[in-house]
């Protein structure tokens, strides 16, 4: 799928984010709290989405 010019910076940042593995942090939190990794991961996505991160992408916008 071609990324429209106004969303290329967001696409670049999304691609760059693949260089970071968030799972060790979720696994450590799970180990410390007893909350399953899947639940923590889902919570993180829900909080990100409910903060408006996925509503109207702007050029060079996205989660920081």
N, C-alpha and C. Protein backbone atom coordinates (compact mmCIF):
# COMPACT_ATOMS: atom_id res chain seq x y z
N UNK A 1 0.85 -1.17 0.00
CA UNK A 1 0.00 0.00 0.00
C UNK A 1 0.90 1.24 0.00
N UNK A 2 0.60 2.16 -0.84
CA UNK A 2 1.37 3.41 -0.91
C UNK A 2 0.92 4.36 0.20
N UNK A 3 1.90 4.95 0.85
CA UNK A 3 1.61 5.91 1.92
C UNK A 3 1.50 7.29 1.30
N UNK A 4 0.39 7.99 1.55
CA UNK A 4 0.25 9.34 1.00
C UNK A 4 1.36 10.25 1.55
N UNK A 5 1.77 11.22 0.78
CA UNK A 5 2.85 12.12 1.21
C UNK A 5 2.65 12.72 2.59
N UNK A 6 1.42 13.07 2.93
CA UNK A 6 1.17 13.73 4.21
C UNK A 6 1.34 12.78 5.40
N UNK A 7 1.47 11.47 5.15
CA UNK A 7 1.62 10.50 6.24
C UNK A 7 2.97 9.78 6.19
N UNK A 8 3.87 10.23 5.34
CA UNK A 8 5.16 9.53 5.20
C UNK A 8 6.02 9.62 6.47
N UNK A 9 6.01 10.74 7.14
CA UNK A 9 6.79 10.85 8.37
C UNK A 9 6.26 9.90 9.44
N UNK A 10 4.95 9.82 9.56
CA UNK A 10 4.35 8.87 10.51
C UNK A 10 4.73 7.44 10.13
N UNK A 11 4.69 7.11 8.85
CA UNK A 11 5.07 5.78 8.39
C UNK A 11 6.54 5.49 8.70
N UNK A 12 7.39 6.48 8.53
CA UNK A 12 8.81 6.31 8.83
C UNK A 12 9.01 6.03 10.31
N UNK A 13 8.30 6.78 11.15
CA UNK A 13 8.40 6.58 12.59
C UNK A 13 7.87 5.22 13.01
N UNK A 14 6.80 4.77 12.36
CA UNK A 14 6.27 3.44 12.66
C UNK A 14 7.27 2.36 12.29
N UNK A 15 7.92 2.54 11.15
CA UNK A 15 8.94 1.59 10.72
C UNK A 15 10.14 1.61 11.68
N UNK A 16 10.58 2.78 12.08
CA UNK A 16 11.69 2.90 13.02
C UNK A 16 11.38 2.25 14.36
N UNK A 17 10.12 2.30 14.77
CA UNK A 17 9.73 1.72 16.05
C UNK A 17 9.95 0.20 16.08
N UNK A 18 10.01 -0.43 14.91
CA UNK A 18 10.26 -1.87 14.85
C UNK A 18 11.66 -2.22 15.35
N UNK A 19 12.55 -1.23 15.45
CA UNK A 19 13.89 -1.47 15.94
C UNK A 19 13.93 -1.66 17.46
N UNK A 20 12.83 -1.32 18.13
CA UNK A 20 12.73 -1.42 19.58
C UNK A 20 11.78 -2.56 19.93
N UNK A 21 12.21 -3.44 20.81
CA UNK A 21 11.36 -4.54 21.26
C UNK A 21 10.75 -4.17 22.61
N UNK A 22 9.44 -3.89 22.65
CA UNK A 22 8.82 -3.51 23.92
C UNK A 22 8.52 -4.70 24.83
N UNK A 23 8.64 -5.91 24.31
CA UNK A 23 8.23 -7.08 25.08
C UNK A 23 9.01 -7.27 26.38
N UNK A 24 10.32 -7.03 26.43
CA UNK A 24 11.00 -7.20 27.72
C UNK A 24 10.39 -6.33 28.83
N UNK A 25 9.96 -5.13 28.50
CA UNK A 25 9.33 -4.27 29.51
C UNK A 25 7.99 -4.86 29.96
N UNK A 26 7.20 -5.36 29.01
CA UNK A 26 5.91 -5.97 29.36
C UNK A 26 6.12 -7.24 30.18
N UNK A 27 7.14 -8.02 29.80
CA UNK A 27 7.44 -9.25 30.53
C UNK A 27 7.90 -8.96 31.96
N UNK A 28 8.73 -7.94 32.12
CA UNK A 28 9.19 -7.57 33.46
C UNK A 28 8.03 -7.08 34.31
N UNK A 29 7.15 -6.26 33.73
CA UNK A 29 5.99 -5.78 34.46
C UNK A 29 5.07 -6.94 34.83
N UNK A 30 4.90 -7.88 33.91
CA UNK A 30 4.10 -9.05 34.19
C UNK A 30 4.69 -9.86 35.33
N UNK A 31 6.00 -10.05 35.30
CA UNK A 31 6.68 -10.80 36.35
C UNK A 31 6.53 -10.13 37.71
N UNK A 32 6.61 -8.80 37.71
CA UNK A 32 6.53 -8.05 38.97
C UNK A 32 5.12 -7.98 39.53
N UNK A 33 4.11 -8.02 38.64
CA UNK A 33 2.73 -7.81 39.09
C UNK A 33 1.86 -9.06 39.06
N UNK A 34 2.26 -10.06 38.27
CA UNK A 34 1.42 -11.25 38.10
C UNK A 34 0.34 -11.07 37.06
N UNK A 35 0.30 -9.91 36.42
CA UNK A 35 -0.68 -9.64 35.37
C UNK A 35 -0.14 -10.24 34.07
N UNK A 36 -0.95 -11.04 33.35
CA UNK A 36 -0.46 -11.65 32.11
C UNK A 36 0.04 -10.62 31.09
N UNK A 37 1.09 -11.00 30.37
CA UNK A 37 1.68 -10.13 29.35
C UNK A 37 0.62 -9.67 28.35
N UNK A 38 -0.24 -10.58 27.90
CA UNK A 38 -1.28 -10.21 26.93
C UNK A 38 -2.18 -9.11 27.47
N UNK A 39 -2.51 -9.16 28.75
CA UNK A 39 -3.37 -8.14 29.34
C UNK A 39 -2.65 -6.79 29.41
N UNK A 40 -1.38 -6.82 29.76
CA UNK A 40 -0.60 -5.58 29.84
C UNK A 40 -0.46 -4.97 28.45
N UNK A 41 -0.17 -5.81 27.46
CA UNK A 41 -0.03 -5.33 26.08
C UNK A 41 -1.34 -4.71 25.60
N UNK A 42 -2.44 -5.39 25.88
CA UNK A 42 -3.75 -4.86 25.47
C UNK A 42 -4.02 -3.53 26.17
N UNK A 43 -3.73 -3.45 27.45
CA UNK A 43 -3.93 -2.20 28.19
C UNK A 43 -3.12 -1.06 27.57
N UNK A 44 -1.87 -1.33 27.22
CA UNK A 44 -1.03 -0.29 26.61
C UNK A 44 -1.64 0.20 25.30
N UNK A 45 -2.13 -0.72 24.47
CA UNK A 45 -2.75 -0.32 23.20
C UNK A 45 -4.04 0.46 23.42
N UNK A 46 -4.85 0.02 24.38
CA UNK A 46 -6.10 0.72 24.67
C UNK A 46 -5.81 2.13 25.17
N UNK A 47 -4.84 2.27 26.05
CA UNK A 47 -4.51 3.61 26.58
C UNK A 47 -3.98 4.51 25.48
N UNK A 48 -3.14 3.97 24.60
CA UNK A 48 -2.61 4.75 23.48
C UNK A 48 -3.74 5.20 22.56
N UNK A 49 -4.62 4.26 22.21
CA UNK A 49 -5.72 4.59 21.30
C UNK A 49 -6.71 5.57 21.94
N UNK A 50 -7.00 5.38 23.21
CA UNK A 50 -7.97 6.26 23.86
C UNK A 50 -7.41 7.65 24.11
N UNK A 51 -6.09 7.79 24.03
CA UNK A 51 -5.47 9.11 24.19
C UNK A 51 -5.57 9.91 22.90
N UNK A 52 -6.16 9.32 21.87
CA UNK A 52 -6.34 10.03 20.62
C UNK A 52 -5.23 9.79 19.62
N UNK A 53 -4.35 8.85 19.91
CA UNK A 53 -3.20 8.62 19.04
C UNK A 53 -3.59 8.13 17.66
N UNK A 54 -4.72 7.48 17.53
CA UNK A 54 -5.08 6.94 16.23
C UNK A 54 -6.22 7.65 15.55
N UNK A 55 -6.59 8.81 16.02
CA UNK A 55 -7.78 9.47 15.47
C UNK A 55 -7.53 10.11 14.12
N UNK A 56 -6.88 11.22 14.07
CA UNK A 56 -6.64 11.92 12.80
C UNK A 56 -5.14 12.06 12.60
N UNK A 57 -4.53 11.16 11.84
CA UNK A 57 -3.08 11.31 11.62
C UNK A 57 -2.77 12.64 10.94
N UNK A 58 -1.76 13.29 11.45
CA UNK A 58 -1.29 14.54 10.85
C UNK A 58 0.10 14.26 10.31
N UNK A 59 0.56 15.08 9.42
CA UNK A 59 1.92 14.94 8.92
C UNK A 59 2.87 15.01 10.11
N UNK A 60 3.79 14.10 10.16
CA UNK A 60 4.79 14.02 11.24
C UNK A 60 4.16 13.80 12.60
N UNK A 61 2.94 13.26 12.63
CA UNK A 61 2.28 13.02 13.89
C UNK A 61 2.34 11.54 14.22
N UNK A 62 2.08 11.23 15.45
CA UNK A 62 2.06 9.86 15.91
C UNK A 62 2.56 9.80 17.33
N UNK A 63 2.57 8.61 17.89
CA UNK A 63 3.02 8.49 19.27
C UNK A 63 4.48 8.86 19.41
N UNK A 64 4.81 9.51 20.46
CA UNK A 64 6.21 9.92 20.69
C UNK A 64 6.91 8.91 21.54
